[in-house]
Amino acid sequence: MAVPKRKMSRSRTRSRRAQWKAQSPVLVPLVVAGERVLVPPRLVRAVQRGLVDLQD
């Protein structure tokens, strides 16, 4: 396991963490059973084939 050789300052650690931003997921609109549904791109084919249940 990688271990840092020196102690990193608190301000450097916090500024590095502050740079990270979450991105909103990309969703593809589909019409399933007459309803418009937003689905991640990797699940589009599974939803179209009926392999994924979209009930809440």
N, C-alpha and C. Protein backbone atom coordinates (compact mmCIF):
# COMPACT_ATOMS: atom_id res chain seq x y z
N MET A 1 0.85 -1.18 0.00
CA MET A 1 0.00 0.00 0.00
C MET A 1 0.89 1.24 0.00
N ALA A 2 0.54 2.23 -0.79
CA ALA A 2 1.34 3.45 -0.88
C ALA A 2 1.17 4.30 0.37
N VAL A 3 2.29 4.76 0.88
CA VAL A 3 2.28 5.58 2.09
C VAL A 3 3.06 6.86 1.80
N PRO A 4 2.50 8.02 2.13
CA PRO A 4 3.25 9.26 1.88
C PRO A 4 4.52 9.32 2.73
N LYS A 5 5.60 9.86 2.15
CA LYS A 5 6.87 9.92 2.87
C LYS A 5 6.95 11.13 3.77
N ARG A 6 6.14 12.14 3.50
CA ARG A 6 6.15 13.34 4.33
C ARG A 6 4.73 13.73 4.69
N LYS A 7 4.64 14.44 5.78
CA LYS A 7 3.33 14.92 6.21
C LYS A 7 2.90 16.06 5.28
N MET A 8 1.68 15.97 4.80
CA MET A 8 1.15 17.03 3.93
C MET A 8 0.44 18.07 4.81
N SER A 9 0.66 19.31 4.51
CA SER A 9 0.06 20.35 5.34
C SER A 9 -1.46 20.30 5.24
N ARG A 10 -2.11 20.75 6.28
CA ARG A 10 -3.57 20.72 6.34
C ARG A 10 -4.17 21.61 5.25
N SER A 11 -3.60 22.77 5.01
CA SER A 11 -4.16 23.67 3.99
C SER A 11 -4.02 23.07 2.60
N ARG A 12 -2.92 22.39 2.34
CA ARG A 12 -2.73 21.77 1.02
C ARG A 12 -3.75 20.64 0.82
N THR A 13 -3.97 19.86 1.85
CA THR A 13 -4.94 18.76 1.76
C THR A 13 -6.34 19.31 1.50
N ARG A 14 -6.71 20.32 2.24
CA ARG A 14 -8.07 20.86 2.08
C ARG A 14 -8.26 21.56 0.75
N SER A 15 -7.24 22.25 0.26
CA SER A 15 -7.38 22.91 -1.05
C SER A 15 -7.45 21.87 -2.16
N ARG A 16 -6.73 20.77 -2.01
CA ARG A 16 -6.78 19.71 -3.02
C ARG A 16 -8.17 19.08 -3.04
N ARG A 17 -8.74 18.85 -1.87
CA ARG A 17 -10.09 18.28 -1.80
C ARG A 17 -11.12 19.24 -2.35
N ALA A 18 -10.90 20.53 -2.19
CA ALA A 18 -11.86 21.53 -2.66
C ALA A 18 -11.91 21.60 -4.19
N GLN A 19 -10.88 21.10 -4.87
CA GLN A 19 -10.85 21.14 -6.33
C GLN A 19 -11.79 20.11 -6.96
N TRP A 20 -12.12 19.08 -6.21
CA TRP A 20 -12.93 18.01 -6.74
C TRP A 20 -14.39 18.46 -6.81
N LYS A 21 -15.01 18.28 -7.95
CA LYS A 21 -16.42 18.63 -8.12
C LYS A 21 -17.16 17.44 -8.73
N ALA A 22 -18.28 17.11 -8.18
CA ALA A 22 -19.10 16.03 -8.73
C ALA A 22 -19.81 16.53 -9.97
N GLN A 23 -19.90 15.68 -10.96
CA GLN A 23 -20.61 16.04 -12.19
C GLN A 23 -21.97 15.36 -12.20
N SER A 24 -22.95 16.06 -12.75
CA SER A 24 -24.27 15.46 -12.83
C SER A 24 -24.23 14.34 -13.87
N PRO A 25 -24.92 13.23 -13.63
CA PRO A 25 -24.87 12.11 -14.56
C PRO A 25 -25.57 12.44 -15.87
N VAL A 26 -25.05 11.88 -16.95
CA VAL A 26 -25.67 12.06 -18.26
C VAL A 26 -26.81 11.07 -18.37
N LEU A 27 -28.00 11.55 -18.68
CA LEU A 27 -29.17 10.68 -18.79
C LEU A 27 -29.78 10.80 -20.18
N VAL A 28 -30.25 9.69 -20.70
CA VAL A 28 -30.84 9.63 -22.04
C VAL A 28 -32.35 9.49 -21.89
N PRO A 29 -33.12 10.37 -22.55
CA PRO A 29 -34.58 10.22 -22.47
C PRO A 29 -35.07 9.06 -23.34
N LEU A 30 -35.94 8.22 -22.78
CA LEU A 30 -36.56 7.10 -23.49
C LEU A 30 -38.05 7.12 -23.23
N VAL A 31 -38.82 6.54 -24.14
CA VAL A 31 -40.25 6.38 -23.93
C VAL A 31 -40.51 4.89 -23.72
N VAL A 32 -40.92 4.54 -22.51
CA VAL A 32 -41.20 3.15 -22.15
C VAL A 32 -42.63 3.06 -21.66
N ALA A 33 -43.43 2.25 -22.31
CA ALA A 33 -44.84 2.06 -21.96
C ALA A 33 -45.57 3.39 -21.93
N GLY A 34 -45.25 4.27 -22.86
CA GLY A 34 -45.93 5.56 -22.97
C GLY A 34 -45.45 6.61 -22.00
N GLU A 35 -44.45 6.30 -21.20
CA GLU A 35 -43.92 7.27 -20.24
C GLU A 35 -42.49 7.63 -20.61
N ARG A 36 -42.17 8.91 -20.42
CA ARG A 36 -40.81 9.38 -20.68
C ARG A 36 -39.95 9.07 -19.46
N VAL A 37 -38.82 8.39 -19.69
CA VAL A 37 -37.95 7.95 -18.60
C VAL A 37 -36.53 8.40 -18.92
N LEU A 38 -35.80 8.86 -17.91
CA LEU A 38 -34.40 9.22 -18.07
C LEU A 38 -33.54 8.06 -17.55
N VAL A 39 -32.63 7.59 -18.41
CA VAL A 39 -31.84 6.40 -18.10
C VAL A 39 -30.37 6.67 -18.42
N PRO A 40 -29.45 6.13 -17.63
CA PRO A 40 -28.03 6.23 -17.98
C PRO A 40 -27.75 5.54 -19.32
N PRO A 41 -26.79 6.06 -20.09
CA PRO A 41 -26.53 5.51 -21.43
C PRO A 41 -26.21 4.01 -21.43
N ARG A 42 -25.54 3.51 -20.40
CA ARG A 42 -25.17 2.10 -20.42
C ARG A 42 -26.35 1.17 -20.17
N LEU A 43 -27.50 1.71 -19.72
CA LEU A 43 -28.68 0.88 -19.47
C LEU A 43 -29.75 1.02 -20.55
N VAL A 44 -29.50 1.82 -21.58
CA VAL A 44 -30.52 2.07 -22.61
C VAL A 44 -30.99 0.78 -23.26
N ARG A 45 -30.05 -0.05 -23.71
CA ARG A 45 -30.45 -1.28 -24.42
C ARG A 45 -31.18 -2.25 -23.50
N ALA A 46 -30.76 -2.32 -22.25
CA ALA A 46 -31.42 -3.22 -21.30
C ALA A 46 -32.85 -2.76 -21.04
N VAL A 47 -33.06 -1.46 -20.96
CA VAL A 47 -34.41 -0.93 -20.73
C VAL A 47 -35.28 -1.18 -21.96
N GLN A 48 -34.72 -0.98 -23.14
CA GLN A 48 -35.48 -1.20 -24.37
C GLN A 48 -35.89 -2.67 -24.51
N ARG A 49 -35.05 -3.58 -24.06
CA ARG A 49 -35.36 -5.00 -24.14
C ARG A 49 -36.26 -5.49 -23.01
N GLY A 50 -36.45 -4.63 -22.00
CA GLY A 50 -37.31 -5.00 -20.88
C GLY A 50 -36.59 -5.79 -19.80
N LEU A 51 -35.27 -5.74 -19.79
CA LEU A 51 -34.50 -6.48 -18.79
C LEU A 51 -34.40 -5.74 -17.47
N VAL A 52 -34.65 -4.43 -17.48
CA VAL A 52 -34.54 -3.62 -16.28
C VAL A 52 -35.92 -3.14 -15.89
N ASP A 53 -36.28 -3.33 -14.62
CA ASP A 53 -37.57 -2.88 -14.12
C ASP A 53 -37.46 -1.43 -13.67
N LEU A 54 -38.27 -0.56 -14.20
CA LEU A 54 -38.19 0.87 -13.89
C LEU A 54 -39.24 1.34 -12.90
N GLN A 55 -39.94 0.41 -12.27
CA GLN A 55 -40.95 0.81 -11.28
C GLN A 55 -40.27 1.35 -10.03
N ASP A 56 -40.84 2.41 -9.44
CA ASP A 56 -40.24 3.03 -8.26
C ASP A 56 -40.47 2.23 -7.02
